[in-house]
Amino acid sequence: MIAFSPGLAQGCFELLAITARQKLTFTEIKGAFAYLGSLPAQKVVETAQALNWLQASELGHAEHTPWGSRLFATPGYETQLRQALLDYIDIEHPSWVQNASFGRSRVISFAGSQIAQVFAEAGLADGTSEPVVAFWDALAARARGQRDDRLSQIGRLGERLTIDYETQRTGRHPTWVAIDNNADGYDVLSVVGPTDLHQLTIEVKTSTQGTSGFAMLTRNEWEMAIESERHAFYFWDLGGSSKPKLAIVSSEAMLEHMPQDQGAGQWDCAKIPFSAFKHSFA
């Protein structure tokens, strides 16, 4: 397995800069530089080659690969480190990436201390800015596949709309739970109202197909709805050219559309049509 750390990344960035300026063989690089960054040049050169950032030209000089050129051209340390991390993941396919579907806290917990430090230095361990969320969605896409990537983008739009809506409705910024842990059974933690600070758990469902779309509701999400004292489903209709429409559905209203276990059979996921609540959209 290829080792990766902030120190190795910094050494590789320095090496890419050197090879962009000078025509040197790998042997000449190792002879001219004892260290790149804080690490031995030998180790840095091996890492840059293993991650497909450098290759030998026909004349034997170290030159950028297309991936190395992309990484070298990426502006800013944090952004460059994020790209380097994605390149590492694409080459190494580490097992901890499979946790990306469950949120970043799971990934960081299982990735190991050095990789966790890379996430931290890349500004990915916390925060909900669009570039940070886009990175985690891209990482989850590598675990789930491209179809789920598209669904995730649509879902994130609904979650962002919910964050904005709740901030305006309550005067308080809610917690975007799904970013850190997508296994809790709800997406956003808000409060009942401006003066009622009891917690409100919110599960967000989003469709770009108008009321002809469907929401997939898992058993875990439904069990959370039942267990939570105050819970709501936010259905966002993003279809058409008009502004997004929202239907707020209570657990009691949702109950009318939920399946039941029968005999030895148990349901795992329910397909709920947006049209079931078409009169609630505003």
C-alpha atoms as a PDB file:
ATOM      1  CA  MET A   1       0.000   0.000   0.000  1.00  0.00           C
ATOM      2  CA  ILE A   2       1.240   3.498  -0.883  1.00  0.00           C
ATOM      3  CA  ALA A   3       1.855   5.686   2.158  1.00  0.00           C
ATOM      4  CA  PHE A   4       0.357   9.181   2.069  1.00  0.00           C
ATOM      5  CA  SER A   5       0.616  12.072   4.501  1.00  0.00           C
ATOM      6  CA  PRO A   6       0.717  15.883   4.503  1.00  0.00           C
ATOM      7  CA  GLY A   7       4.521  15.727   4.519  1.00  0.00           C
ATOM      8  CA  LEU A   8       4.629  13.443   1.489  1.00  0.00           C
ATOM      9  CA  ALA A   9       2.112  15.620  -0.319  1.00  0.00           C
ATOM     10  CA  GLN A  10       4.162  18.761   0.344  1.00  0.00           C
ATOM     11  CA  GLY A  11       7.310  17.005  -0.843  1.00  0.00           C
ATOM     12  CA  CYS A  12       5.549  15.963  -4.045  1.00  0.00           C
ATOM     13  CA  PHE A  13       4.308  19.520  -4.642  1.00  0.00           C
ATOM     14  CA  GLU A  14       7.891  20.765  -4.291  1.00  0.00           C
ATOM     15  CA  LEU A  15       9.108  18.034  -6.642  1.00  0.00           C
ATOM     16  CA  LEU A  16       6.503  18.978  -9.262  1.00  0.00           C
ATOM     17  CA  ALA A  17       7.687  22.586  -9.064  1.00  0.00           C
ATOM     18  CA  ILE A  18      11.332  21.555  -9.513  1.00  0.00           C
ATOM     19  CA  THR A  19      10.617  19.320 -12.502  1.00  0.00           C
ATOM     20  CA  ALA A  20       8.552  22.087 -14.100  1.00  0.00           C
ATOM     21  CA  ARG A  21      11.633  24.351 -14.029  1.00  0.00           C
ATOM     22  CA  GLN A  22      14.485  21.934 -14.710  1.00  0.00           C
ATOM     23  CA  LYS A  23      15.180  18.883 -16.842  1.00  0.00           C
ATOM     24  CA  LEU A  24      16.568  16.345 -14.395  1.00  0.00           C
ATOM     25  CA  THR A  25      16.661  12.576 -14.331  1.00  0.00           C
ATOM     26  CA  PHE A  26      15.329  10.809 -11.274  1.00  0.00           C
ATOM     27  CA  THR A  27      18.906   9.862 -10.361  1.00  0.00           C
ATOM     28  CA  GLU A  28      19.973  13.511 -10.591  1.00  0.00           C
ATOM     29  CA  ILE A  29      17.055  14.577  -8.396  1.00  0.00           C
ATOM     30  CA  LYS A  30      18.006  12.104  -5.689  1.00  0.00           C
ATOM     31  CA  GLY A  31      21.627  13.221  -5.881  1.00  0.00           C
ATOM     32  CA  ALA A  32      20.866  16.943  -5.810  1.00  0.00           C
ATOM     33  CA  PHE A  33      18.262  16.922  -3.046  1.00  0.00           C
ATOM     34  CA  ALA A  34      18.645  15.002   0.187  1.00  0.00           C
ATOM     35  CA  TYR A  35      15.184  16.126   1.265  1.00  0.00           C
ATOM     36  CA  LEU A  36      12.078  17.406  -0.448  1.00  0.00           C
ATOM     37  CA  GLY A  37       9.962  19.162   2.091  1.00  0.00           C
ATOM     38  CA  SER A  38      10.742  17.410   5.351  1.00  0.00           C
ATOM     39  CA  LEU A  39      11.145  13.903   3.905  1.00  0.00           C
ATOM     40  CA  PRO A  40      13.926  12.047   2.074  1.00  0.00           C
ATOM     41  CA  ALA A  41      13.922  12.759  -1.661  1.00  0.00           C
ATOM     42  CA  GLN A  42      13.986   9.023  -2.416  1.00  0.00           C
ATOM     43  CA  LYS A  43      10.639   8.509  -0.655  1.00  0.00           C
ATOM     44  CA  VAL A  44       9.045  11.549  -2.290  1.00  0.00           C
ATOM     45  CA  VAL A  45      10.161  10.504  -5.784  1.00  0.00           C
ATOM     46  CA  GLU A  46       8.772   7.000  -5.248  1.00  0.00           C
ATOM     47  CA  THR A  47       5.440   8.441  -4.078  1.00  0.00           C
ATOM     48  CA  ALA A  48       5.144  10.853  -7.026  1.00  0.00           C
ATOM     49  CA  GLN A  49       5.778   8.003  -9.453  1.00  0.00           C
ATOM     50  CA  ALA A  50       3.439   5.590  -7.669  1.00  0.00           C
ATOM     51  CA  LEU A  51       0.623   8.157  -7.743  1.00  0.00           C
ATOM     52  CA  ASN A  52       1.201   8.745 -11.465  1.00  0.00           C
ATOM     53  CA  TRP A  53       2.258  12.390 -11.152  1.00  0.00           C
ATOM     54  CA  LEU A  54       5.747  11.945 -12.649  1.00  0.00           C
ATOM     55  CA  GLN A  55       7.175   9.749 -15.371  1.00  0.00           C
ATOM     56  CA  ALA A  56      10.438   9.464 -17.307  1.00  0.00           C
ATOM     57  CA  SER A  57      10.534  11.120 -20.729  1.00  0.00           C
ATOM     58  CA  GLU A  58      12.130   9.482 -23.779  1.00  0.00           C
ATOM     59  CA  LEU A  59      15.366  11.236 -22.792  1.00  0.00           C
ATOM     60  CA  GLY A  60      15.113   9.993 -19.224  1.00  0.00           C
ATOM     61  CA  HIS A  61      14.089  13.292 -17.647  1.00  0.00           C
ATOM     62  CA  ALA A  62      11.411  13.444 -14.962  1.00  0.00           C
ATOM     63  CA  GLU A  63       8.304  15.030 -16.470  1.00  0.00           C
ATOM     64  CA  HIS A  64       4.724  15.655 -15.401  1.00  0.00           C
ATOM     65  CA  THR A  65       2.049  13.188 -16.420  1.00  0.00           C
ATOM     66  CA  PRO A  66      -1.368  14.688 -17.327  1.00  0.00           C
ATOM     67  CA  TRP A  67      -2.408  14.057 -13.719  1.00  0.00           C
ATOM     68  CA  GLY A  68       0.773  15.676 -12.446  1.00  0.00           C
ATOM     69  CA  SER A  69       0.166  18.708 -14.660  1.00  0.00           C
ATOM     70  CA  ARG A  70      -3.377  19.022 -13.331  1.00  0.00           C
ATOM     71  CA  LEU A  71      -2.170  18.799  -9.742  1.00  0.00           C
ATOM     72  CA  PHE A  72       0.648  21.320 -10.313  1.00  0.00           C
ATOM     73  CA  ALA A  73      -1.794  23.789 -11.914  1.00  0.00           C
ATOM     74  CA  THR A  74      -4.290  23.542  -9.038  1.00  0.00           C
ATOM     75  CA  PRO A  75      -4.172  26.869  -7.128  1.00  0.00           C
ATOM     76  CA  GLY A  76      -3.907  27.088  -3.344  1.00  0.00           C
ATOM     77  CA  TYR A  77      -2.541  24.585  -0.838  1.00  0.00           C
ATOM     78  CA  GLU A  78      -5.888  23.285   0.454  1.00  0.00           C
ATOM     79  CA  THR A  79      -7.323  22.817  -3.038  1.00  0.00           C
ATOM     80  CA  GLN A  80      -4.118  21.171  -4.237  1.00  0.00           C
ATOM     81  CA  LEU A  81      -4.122  18.830  -1.258  1.00  0.00           C
ATOM     82  CA  ARG A  82      -7.746  17.862  -1.963  1.00  0.00           C
ATOM     83  CA  GLN A  83      -6.880  16.972  -5.550  1.00  0.00           C
ATOM     84  CA  ALA A  84      -3.850  15.002  -4.392  1.00  0.00           C
ATOM     85  CA  LEU A  85      -6.059  13.084  -1.972  1.00  0.00           C
ATOM     86  CA  LEU A  86      -8.530  12.202  -4.734  1.00  0.00           C
ATOM     87  CA  ASP A  87      -5.654  11.071  -6.969  1.00  0.00           C
ATOM     88  CA  TYR A  88      -4.349   8.885  -4.143  1.00  0.00           C
ATOM     89  CA  ILE A  89      -7.795   7.347  -3.659  1.00  0.00           C
ATOM     90  CA  ASP A  90      -8.208   6.675  -7.394  1.00  0.00           C
ATOM     91  CA  ILE A  91      -4.842   4.877  -7.520  1.00  0.00           C
ATOM     92  CA  GLU A  92      -4.916   3.059  -4.186  1.00  0.00           C
ATOM     93  CA  HIS A  93      -8.661   2.335  -3.756  1.00  0.00           C
ATOM     94  CA  PRO A  94      -8.344   2.177   0.053  1.00  0.00           C
ATOM     95  CA  SER A  95     -11.042   0.184   1.830  1.00  0.00           C
ATOM     96  CA  TRP A  96     -12.023   3.092   4.085  1.00  0.00           C
ATOM     97  CA  VAL A  97     -13.505   4.946   1.097  1.00  0.00           C
ATOM     98  CA  GLN A  98     -16.538   2.653   1.332  1.00  0.00           C
ATOM     99  CA  ASN A  99     -17.513   4.558   4.481  1.00  0.00           C
ATOM    100  CA  ALA A 100     -18.040   7.728   2.431  1.00  0.00           C
ATOM    101  CA  SER A 101     -21.691   6.792   1.878  1.00  0.00           C
ATOM    102  CA  PHE A 102     -22.233   7.171   5.633  1.00  0.00           C
ATOM    103  CA  GLY A 103     -20.646  10.614   6.048  1.00  0.00           C
ATOM    104  CA  ARG A 104     -17.229  12.110   6.636  1.00  0.00           C
ATOM    105  CA  SER A 105     -16.935  11.266  10.327  1.00  0.00           C
ATOM    106  CA  ARG A 106     -16.967   7.558   9.434  1.00  0.00           C
ATOM    107  CA  VAL A 107     -14.311   8.046   6.758  1.00  0.00           C
ATOM    108  CA  ILE A 108     -11.980  10.013   9.011  1.00  0.00           C
ATOM    109  CA  SER A 109     -12.433   7.502  11.842  1.00  0.00           C
ATOM    110  CA  PHE A 110     -11.394   4.554   9.672  1.00  0.00           C
ATOM    111  CA  ALA A 111      -8.785   6.202   7.430  1.00  0.00           C
ATOM    112  CA  GLY A 112      -5.904   6.179   9.918  1.00  0.00           C
ATOM    113  CA  SER A 113      -4.060   9.033  11.592  1.00  0.00           C
ATOM    114  CA  GLN A 114      -1.937  10.157   8.623  1.00  0.00           C
ATOM    115  CA  ILE A 115      -4.833  10.289   6.176  1.00  0.00           C
ATOM    116  CA  ALA A 116      -6.988  11.958   8.839  1.00  0.00           C
ATOM    117  CA  GLN A 117      -4.322  14.659   9.065  1.00  0.00           C
ATOM    118  CA  VAL A 118      -4.503  15.126   5.297  1.00  0.00           C
ATOM    119  CA  PHE A 119      -8.253  15.668   5.575  1.00  0.00           C
ATOM    120  CA  ALA A 120      -7.684  18.196   8.358  1.00  0.00           C
ATOM    121  CA  GLU A 121      -4.994  20.170   6.524  1.00  0.00           C
ATOM    122  CA  ALA A 122      -7.107  20.163   3.364  1.00  0.00           C
ATOM    123  CA  GLY A 123      -9.927  21.838   5.317  1.00  0.00           C
ATOM    124  CA  LEU A 124     -12.193  18.819   4.881  1.00  0.00           C
ATOM    125  CA  ALA A 125     -12.615  17.662   8.483  1.00  0.00           C
ATOM    126  CA  ASP A 126     -15.326  20.223   9.221  1.00  0.00           C
ATOM    127  CA  GLY A 127     -17.299  23.004   7.565  1.00  0.00           C
ATOM    128  CA  THR A 128     -20.136  22.970   5.030  1.00  0.00           C
ATOM    129  CA  SER A 129     -18.900  25.319   2.297  1.00  0.00           C
ATOM    130  CA  GLU A 130     -19.810  24.301  -1.235  1.00  0.00           C
ATOM    131  CA  PRO A 131     -16.264  23.112  -2.137  1.00  0.00           C
ATOM    132  CA  VAL A 132     -16.101  21.001   1.043  1.00  0.00           C
ATOM    133  CA  VAL A 133     -19.522  19.435   0.445  1.00  0.00           C
ATOM    134  CA  ALA A 134     -18.620  18.881  -3.226  1.00  0.00           C
ATOM    135  CA  PHE A 135     -15.476  16.990  -2.188  1.00  0.00           C
ATOM    136  CA  TRP A 136     -17.371  14.671   0.155  1.00  0.00           C
ATOM    137  CA  ASP A 137     -20.057  14.090  -2.458  1.00  0.00           C
ATOM    138  CA  ALA A 138     -17.339  13.255  -5.000  1.00  0.00           C
ATOM    139  CA  LEU A 139     -15.783  10.827  -2.541  1.00  0.00           C
ATOM    140  CA  ALA A 140     -19.143   9.215  -1.827  1.00  0.00           C
ATOM    141  CA  ALA A 141     -19.655   8.906  -5.588  1.00  0.00           C
ATOM    142  CA  ARG A 142     -16.506   6.834  -5.820  1.00  0.00           C
ATOM    143  CA  ALA A 143     -18.069   4.442  -3.334  1.00  0.00           C
ATOM    144  CA  ARG A 144     -21.574   4.396  -4.767  1.00  0.00           C
ATOM    145  CA  GLY A 145     -21.114   4.999  -8.474  1.00  0.00           C
ATOM    146  CA  GLN A 146     -22.120   7.778 -10.818  1.00  0.00           C
ATOM    147  CA  ARG A 147     -25.870   7.252 -10.587  1.00  0.00           C
ATOM    148  CA  ASP A 148     -25.806   7.825  -6.874  1.00  0.00           C
ATOM    149  CA  ASP A 149     -23.623  10.898  -7.460  1.00  0.00           C
ATOM    150  CA  ARG A 150     -26.440  12.505  -9.432  1.00  0.00           C
ATOM    151  CA  LEU A 151     -28.987  11.622  -6.768  1.00  0.00           C
ATOM    152  CA  SER A 152     -26.671  12.980  -4.095  1.00  0.00           C
ATOM    153  CA  GLN A 153     -26.363  16.316  -5.900  1.00  0.00           C
ATOM    154  CA  ILE A 154     -30.141  16.617  -6.059  1.00  0.00           C
ATOM    155  CA  GLY A 155     -30.459  15.631  -2.402  1.00  0.00           C
ATOM    156  CA  ARG A 156     -27.858  18.193  -1.342  1.00  0.00           C
ATOM    157  CA  LEU A 157     -29.834  20.910  -3.124  1.00  0.00           C
ATOM    158  CA  GLY A 158     -32.859  20.032  -1.005  1.00  0.00           C
ATOM    159  CA  GLU A 159     -30.774  19.946   2.161  1.00  0.00           C
ATOM    160  CA  ARG A 160     -29.291  23.369   1.395  1.00  0.00           C
ATOM    161  CA  LEU A 161     -32.774  24.741   0.725  1.00  0.00           C
ATOM    162  CA  THR A 162     -33.875  23.300   4.068  1.00  0.00           C
ATOM    163  CA  ILE A 163     -30.947  24.924   5.871  1.00  0.00           C
ATOM    164  CA  ASP A 164     -31.851  28.304   4.350  1.00  0.00           C
ATOM    165  CA  TYR A 165     -35.573  27.850   4.994  1.00  0.00           C
ATOM    166  CA  GLU A 166     -35.089  26.879   8.628  1.00  0.00           C
ATOM    167  CA  THR A 167     -32.659  29.737   9.226  1.00  0.00           C
ATOM    168  CA  GLN A 168     -35.249  32.216   7.988  1.00  0.00           C
ATOM    169  CA  ARG A 169     -38.148  30.490   9.761  1.00  0.00           C
ATOM    170  CA  THR A 170     -36.551  30.163  13.183  1.00  0.00           C
ATOM    171  CA  GLY A 171     -33.846  32.821  13.184  1.00  0.00           C
ATOM    172  CA  ARG A 172     -31.328  30.105  14.106  1.00  0.00           C
ATOM    173  CA  HIS A 173     -28.872  28.199  11.940  1.00  0.00           C
ATOM    174  CA  PRO A 174     -29.780  24.484  12.018  1.00  0.00           C
ATOM    175  CA  THR A 175     -27.303  21.599  12.094  1.00  0.00           C
ATOM    176  CA  TRP A 176     -26.625  19.845   8.798  1.00  0.00           C
ATOM    177  CA  VAL A 177     -26.468  16.344  10.278  1.00  0.00           C
ATOM    178  CA  ALA A 178     -26.255  14.402   7.006  1.00  0.00           C
ATOM    179  CA  ILE A 179     -22.852  15.902   6.171  1.00  0.00           C
ATOM    180  CA  ASP A 180     -21.161  14.293   9.180  1.00  0.00           C
ATOM    181  CA  ASN A 181     -23.263  11.152   9.623  1.00  0.00           C
ATOM    182  CA  ASN A 182     -25.683   9.940   6.993  1.00  0.00           C
ATOM    183  CA  ALA A 183     -26.820   7.000   9.131  1.00  0.00           C
ATOM    184  CA  ASP A 184     -28.736   8.931  11.799  1.00  0.00           C
ATOM    185  CA  GLY A 185     -32.059   8.659   9.971  1.00  0.00           C
ATOM    186  CA  TYR A 186     -32.562  12.384   9.398  1.00  0.00           C
ATOM    187  CA  ASP A 187     -30.756  15.157   7.547  1.00  0.00           C
ATOM    188  CA  VAL A 188     -31.225  18.413   9.451  1.00  0.00           C
ATOM    189  CA  LEU A 189     -31.632  19.229  13.144  1.00  0.00           C
ATOM    190  CA  SER A 190     -33.586  22.426  13.751  1.00  0.00           C
ATOM    191  CA  VAL A 191     -35.941  23.815  16.395  1.00  0.00           C
ATOM    192  CA  VAL A 192     -39.734  24.044  16.462  1.00  0.00           C
ATOM    193  CA  GLY A 193     -39.825  27.827  16.155  1.00  0.00           C
ATOM    194  CA  PRO A 194     -38.265  31.192  17.069  1.00  0.00           C
ATOM    195  CA  THR A 195     -39.495  30.931  20.659  1.00  0.00           C
ATOM    196  CA  ASP A 196     -39.906  27.153  20.956  1.00  0.00           C
ATOM    197  CA  LEU A 197     -36.408  25.698  21.129  1.00  0.00           C
ATOM    198  CA  HIS A 198     -37.431  22.048  21.322  1.00  0.00           C
ATOM    199  CA  GLN A 199     -35.468  20.062  18.750  1.00  0.00           C
ATOM    200  CA  LEU A 200     -37.064  19.253  15.393  1.00  0.00           C
ATOM    201  CA  THR A 201     -35.588  16.441  13.295  1.00  0.00           C
ATOM    202  CA  ILE A 202     -36.091  16.817   9.552  1.00  0.00           C
ATOM    203  CA  GLU A 203     -35.756  14.248   6.780  1.00  0.00           C
ATOM    204  CA  VAL A 204     -35.358  15.904   3.371  1.00  0.00           C
ATOM    205  CA  LYS A 205     -36.611  14.441   0.084  1.00  0.00           C
ATOM    206  CA  THR A 206     -35.961  16.167  -3.233  1.00  0.00           C
ATOM    207  CA  SER A 207     -37.236  15.654  -6.769  1.00  0.00           C
ATOM    208  CA  THR A 208     -36.419  17.340 -10.081  1.00  0.00           C
ATOM    209  CA  GLN A 209     -39.404  15.602 -11.700  1.00  0.00           C
ATOM    210  CA  GLY A 210     -42.105  17.616  -9.979  1.00  0.00           C
ATOM    211  CA  THR A 211     -44.902  15.716  -8.297  1.00  0.00           C
ATOM    212  CA  SER A 212     -44.324  12.800 -10.685  1.00  0.00           C
ATOM    213  CA  GLY A 213     -41.149  12.010  -8.752  1.00  0.00           C
ATOM    214  CA  PHE A 214     -40.703   9.547  -5.902  1.00  0.00           C
ATOM    215  CA  ALA A 215     -38.994   9.598  -2.519  1.00  0.00           C
ATOM    216  CA  MET A 216     -37.228   6.490  -1.256  1.00  0.00           C
ATOM    217  CA  LEU A 217     -37.816   6.227   2.496  1.00  0.00           C
ATOM    218  CA  THR A 218     -35.704   3.693   4.367  1.00  0.00           C
ATOM    219  CA  ARG A 219     -36.806   1.779   7.422  1.00  0.00           C
ATOM    220  CA  ASN A 220     -34.136   3.561   9.451  1.00  0.00           C
ATOM    221  CA  GLU A 221     -35.555   6.941   8.416  1.00  0.00           C
ATOM    222  CA  TRP A 222     -39.088   5.868   9.291  1.00  0.00           C
ATOM    223  CA  GLU A 223     -38.070   4.470  12.659  1.00  0.00           C
ATOM    224  CA  MET A 224     -36.410   7.802  13.445  1.00  0.00           C
ATOM    225  CA  ALA A 225     -39.625   9.587  12.487  1.00  0.00           C
ATOM    226  CA  ILE A 226     -41.572   7.426  14.937  1.00  0.00           C
ATOM    227  CA  GLU A 227     -39.038   7.713  17.749  1.00  0.00           C
ATOM    228  CA  SER A 228     -38.494  11.463  17.458  1.00  0.00           C
ATOM    229  CA  GLU A 229     -40.881  13.575  19.543  1.00  0.00           C
ATOM    230  CA  ARG A 230     -40.928  16.263  16.854  1.00  0.00           C
ATOM    231  CA  HIS A 231     -40.225  15.222  13.290  1.00  0.00           C
ATOM    232  CA  ALA A 232     -41.088  16.469   9.819  1.00  0.00           C
ATOM    233  CA  PHE A 233     -40.489  15.410   6.226  1.00  0.00           C
ATOM    234  CA  TYR A 234     -39.536  18.221   3.859  1.00  0.00           C
ATOM    235  CA  PHE A 235     -40.446  17.400   0.256  1.00  0.00           C
ATOM    236  CA  TRP A 236     -38.766  19.762  -2.208  1.00  0.00           C
ATOM    237  CA  ASP A 237     -40.140  19.964  -5.751  1.00  0.00           C
ATOM    238  CA  LEU A 238     -37.383  21.339  -8.006  1.00  0.00           C
ATOM    239  CA  GLY A 239     -39.172  20.538 -11.264  1.00  0.00           C
ATOM    240  CA  GLY A 240     -40.044  23.274 -13.736  1.00  0.00           C
ATOM    241  CA  SER A 241     -38.643  26.767 -14.119  1.00  0.00           C
ATOM    242  CA  SER A 242     -40.412  28.313 -11.131  1.00  0.00           C
ATOM    243  CA  LYS A 243     -38.881  28.599  -7.693  1.00  0.00           C
ATOM    244  CA  PRO A 244     -38.607  25.433  -5.554  1.00  0.00           C
ATOM    245  CA  LYS A 245     -41.807  24.325  -3.856  1.00  0.00           C
ATOM    246  CA  LEU A 246     -41.942  22.818  -0.382  1.00  0.00           C
ATOM    247  CA  ALA A 247     -44.404  20.430   1.229  1.00  0.00           C
ATOM    248  CA  ILE A 248     -43.956  19.868   4.964  1.00  0.00           C
ATOM    249  CA  VAL A 249     -45.334  16.452   5.896  1.00  0.00           C
ATOM    250  CA  SER A 250     -45.883  15.205   9.438  1.00  0.00           C
ATOM    251  CA  SER A 251     -45.135  11.670  10.571  1.00  0.00           C
ATOM    252  CA  GLU A 252     -48.881  11.156  11.047  1.00  0.00           C
ATOM    253  CA  ALA A 253     -49.576  12.108   7.427  1.00  0.00           C
ATOM    254  CA  MET A 254     -46.749   9.892   6.206  1.00  0.00           C
ATOM    255  CA  LEU A 255     -48.106   6.922   8.163  1.00  0.00           C
ATOM    256  CA  GLU A 256     -50.982   6.596   5.676  1.00  0.00           C
ATOM    257  CA  HIS A 257     -48.494   5.608   2.976  1.00  0.00           C
ATOM    258  CA  MET A 258     -46.182   3.315   4.932  1.00  0.00           C
ATOM    259  CA  PRO A 259     -46.031  -0.494   4.516  1.00  0.00           C
ATOM    260  CA  GLN A 260     -46.229  -2.990   7.350  1.00  0.00           C
ATOM    261  CA  ASP A 261     -44.301  -6.157   8.141  1.00  0.00           C
ATOM    262  CA  GLN A 262     -46.301  -9.301   7.427  1.00  0.00           C
ATOM    263  CA  GLY A 263     -45.502 -12.779   8.705  1.00  0.00           C
ATOM    264  CA  ALA A 264     -41.774 -13.375   8.439  1.00  0.00           C
ATOM    265  CA  GLY A 265     -41.345 -10.559   5.928  1.00  0.00           C
ATOM    266  CA  GLN A 266     -39.950  -7.132   6.751  1.00  0.00           C
ATOM    267  CA  TRP A 267     -39.924  -4.078   4.535  1.00  0.00           C
ATOM    268  CA  ASP A 268     -36.646  -2.217   4.089  1.00  0.00           C
ATOM    269  CA  CYS A 269     -37.418   0.720   1.799  1.00  0.00           C
ATOM    270  CA  ALA A 270     -40.660   2.385   0.727  1.00  0.00           C
ATOM    271  CA  LYS A 271     -41.264   4.299  -2.507  1.00  0.00           C
ATOM    272  CA  ILE A 272     -43.439   7.323  -1.731  1.00  0.00           C
ATOM    273  CA  PRO A 273     -44.825   9.424  -4.629  1.00  0.00           C
ATOM    274  CA  PHE A 274     -44.535  13.192  -4.333  1.00  0.00           C
ATOM    275  CA  SER A 275     -48.061  13.345  -5.752  1.00  0.00           C
ATOM    276  CA  ALA A 276     -49.372  11.957  -2.444  1.00  0.00           C
ATOM    277  CA  PHE A 277     -48.784  15.434  -1.000  1.00  0.00           C
ATOM    278  CA  LYS A 278     -49.433  17.552  -4.108  1.00  0.00           C
ATOM    279  CA  HIS A 279     -51.948  19.750  -2.280  1.00  0.00           C
ATOM    280  CA  SER A 280     -49.385  20.595   0.402  1.00  0.00           C
ATOM    281  CA  PHE A 281     -46.782  22.208  -1.876  1.00  0.00           C
ATOM    282  CA  ALA A 282     -46.361  25.947  -1.601  1.00  0.00           C
END
